[in-house]
């Protein structure tokens, strides 16, 4: 569940030493789910902000370019 990592990353409460593993977990979950997000209606806004702030724009583009369910395309 990506929201569990997205909310703490967005609010900045992840301790420095835990930041890299939490970000890696977000990326791994996205890969496991073939870049389909499962952040729910509250976390989706923050998903794209977090991906942008950590330089993961290519992952955001992959999410947005999906055409199979569930997707934006």
C-alpha atoms as a PDB file:
ATOM      1  CA  UNK A   1       0.000   0.000   0.000  1.00  0.00           C
ATOM      2  CA  UNK A   2       1.730   3.124  -1.241  1.00  0.00           C
ATOM      3  CA  UNK A   3      -0.214   5.586   0.892  1.00  0.00           C
ATOM      4  CA  UNK A   4       1.506   4.291   4.027  1.00  0.00           C
ATOM      5  CA  UNK A   5       4.802   5.590   2.665  1.00  0.00           C
ATOM      6  CA  UNK A   6       3.503   8.599   0.728  1.00  0.00           C
ATOM      7  CA  UNK A   7       1.901  10.412   3.678  1.00  0.00           C
ATOM      8  CA  UNK A   8       5.035  10.365   5.890  1.00  0.00           C
ATOM      9  CA  UNK A   9       7.238  11.378   2.948  1.00  0.00           C
ATOM     10  CA  UNK A  10       4.924  14.239   2.059  1.00  0.00           C
ATOM     11  CA  UNK A  11       4.713  15.536   5.628  1.00  0.00           C
ATOM     12  CA  UNK A  12       8.465  15.221   6.141  1.00  0.00           C
ATOM     13  CA  UNK A  13       8.334  13.037   9.230  1.00  0.00           C
ATOM     14  CA  UNK A  14      10.564  10.259   7.873  1.00  0.00           C
ATOM     15  CA  UNK A  15      13.904  10.357   9.734  1.00  0.00           C
ATOM     16  CA  UNK A  16      16.927  10.971   7.511  1.00  0.00           C
ATOM     17  CA  UNK A  17      18.378   7.489   7.956  1.00  0.00           C
ATOM     18  CA  UNK A  18      15.034   5.923   6.931  1.00  0.00           C
ATOM     19  CA  UNK A  19      14.398   8.181   3.933  1.00  0.00           C
ATOM     20  CA  UNK A  20      16.164   6.062   1.293  1.00  0.00           C
ATOM     21  CA  UNK A  21      14.491   2.751   2.292  1.00  0.00           C
ATOM     22  CA  UNK A  22      11.043   4.381   2.364  1.00  0.00           C
ATOM     23  CA  UNK A  23      11.543   5.920  -1.084  1.00  0.00           C
ATOM     24  CA  UNK A  24      12.825   2.603  -2.409  1.00  0.00           C
ATOM     25  CA  UNK A  25       9.730   0.921  -1.003  1.00  0.00           C
ATOM     26  CA  UNK A  26       7.481   3.327  -2.923  1.00  0.00           C
ATOM     27  CA  UNK A  27       9.348   2.588  -6.152  1.00  0.00           C
ATOM     28  CA  UNK A  28       9.335  -1.167  -5.531  1.00  0.00           C
ATOM     29  CA  UNK A  29       5.597  -1.169  -4.837  1.00  0.00           C
ATOM     30  CA  UNK A  30       4.964   0.786  -8.037  1.00  0.00           C
ATOM     31  CA  UNK A  31       7.061  -1.710 -10.019  1.00  0.00           C
ATOM     32  CA  UNK A  32       5.279  -4.683  -8.396  1.00  0.00           C
ATOM     33  CA  UNK A  33       1.936  -3.181  -9.378  1.00  0.00           C
ATOM     34  CA  UNK A  34       3.088  -2.344 -12.919  1.00  0.00           C
ATOM     35  CA  UNK A  35       2.932   1.376 -12.101  1.00  0.00           C
ATOM     36  CA  UNK A  36      -0.685   1.362 -10.978  1.00  0.00           C
ATOM     37  CA  UNK A  37      -1.183   3.515  -7.895  1.00  0.00           C
ATOM     38  CA  UNK A  38      -3.144   2.364  -4.857  1.00  0.00           C
ATOM     39  CA  UNK A  39      -2.954   5.538  -2.807  1.00  0.00           C
ATOM     40  CA  UNK A  40      -6.692   6.111  -2.661  1.00  0.00           C
ATOM     41  CA  UNK A  41      -8.451   9.403  -3.142  1.00  0.00           C
ATOM     42  CA  UNK A  42      -6.534  11.180  -0.380  1.00  0.00           C
ATOM     43  CA  UNK A  43      -3.032   9.986  -1.214  1.00  0.00           C
ATOM     44  CA  UNK A  44      -3.041  10.388  -4.991  1.00  0.00           C
ATOM     45  CA  UNK A  45      -2.400  14.137  -4.833  1.00  0.00           C
ATOM     46  CA  UNK A  46       0.580  13.534  -2.566  1.00  0.00           C
ATOM     47  CA  UNK A  47       1.911  10.623  -4.643  1.00  0.00           C
ATOM     48  CA  UNK A  48       2.754  12.897  -7.551  1.00  0.00           C
ATOM     49  CA  UNK A  49       4.162  15.616  -5.289  1.00  0.00           C
ATOM     50  CA  UNK A  50       6.429  13.088  -3.552  1.00  0.00           C
ATOM     51  CA  UNK A  51       7.568  11.537  -6.833  1.00  0.00           C
ATOM     52  CA  UNK A  52       8.404  15.007  -8.120  1.00  0.00           C
ATOM     53  CA  UNK A  53      10.245  16.103  -4.968  1.00  0.00           C
ATOM     54  CA  UNK A  54      12.454  13.011  -5.036  1.00  0.00           C
ATOM     55  CA  UNK A  55      13.215  13.254  -8.753  1.00  0.00           C
ATOM     56  CA  UNK A  56      11.096  10.288  -9.793  1.00  0.00           C
ATOM     57  CA  UNK A  57       9.252  12.002 -12.616  1.00  0.00           C
ATOM     58  CA  UNK A  58       9.708   8.998 -14.899  1.00  0.00           C
ATOM     59  CA  UNK A  59       7.670   6.898 -12.443  1.00  0.00           C
ATOM     60  CA  UNK A  60       4.950   9.567 -12.457  1.00  0.00           C
ATOM     61  CA  UNK A  61       4.894   9.513 -16.262  1.00  0.00           C
ATOM     62  CA  UNK A  62       4.580   5.728 -16.254  1.00  0.00           C
ATOM     63  CA  UNK A  63       1.590   5.952 -13.888  1.00  0.00           C
ATOM     64  CA  UNK A  64      -0.086   8.617 -16.004  1.00  0.00           C
ATOM     65  CA  UNK A  65       0.513   6.795 -19.294  1.00  0.00           C
ATOM     66  CA  UNK A  66      -1.074   3.497 -18.242  1.00  0.00           C
ATOM     67  CA  UNK A  67      -4.192   2.628 -20.257  1.00  0.00           C
ATOM     68  CA  UNK A  68      -5.330  -0.539 -18.512  1.00  0.00           C
ATOM     69  CA  UNK A  69      -7.528  -0.543 -15.404  1.00  0.00           C
ATOM     70  CA  UNK A  70      -7.040   1.239 -13.058  1.00  0.00           C
ATOM     71  CA  UNK A  71      -5.492   4.141 -14.898  1.00  0.00           C
ATOM     72  CA  UNK A  72      -5.856   7.709 -16.063  1.00  0.00           C
ATOM     73  CA  UNK A  73      -5.658   6.822 -19.778  1.00  0.00           C
END
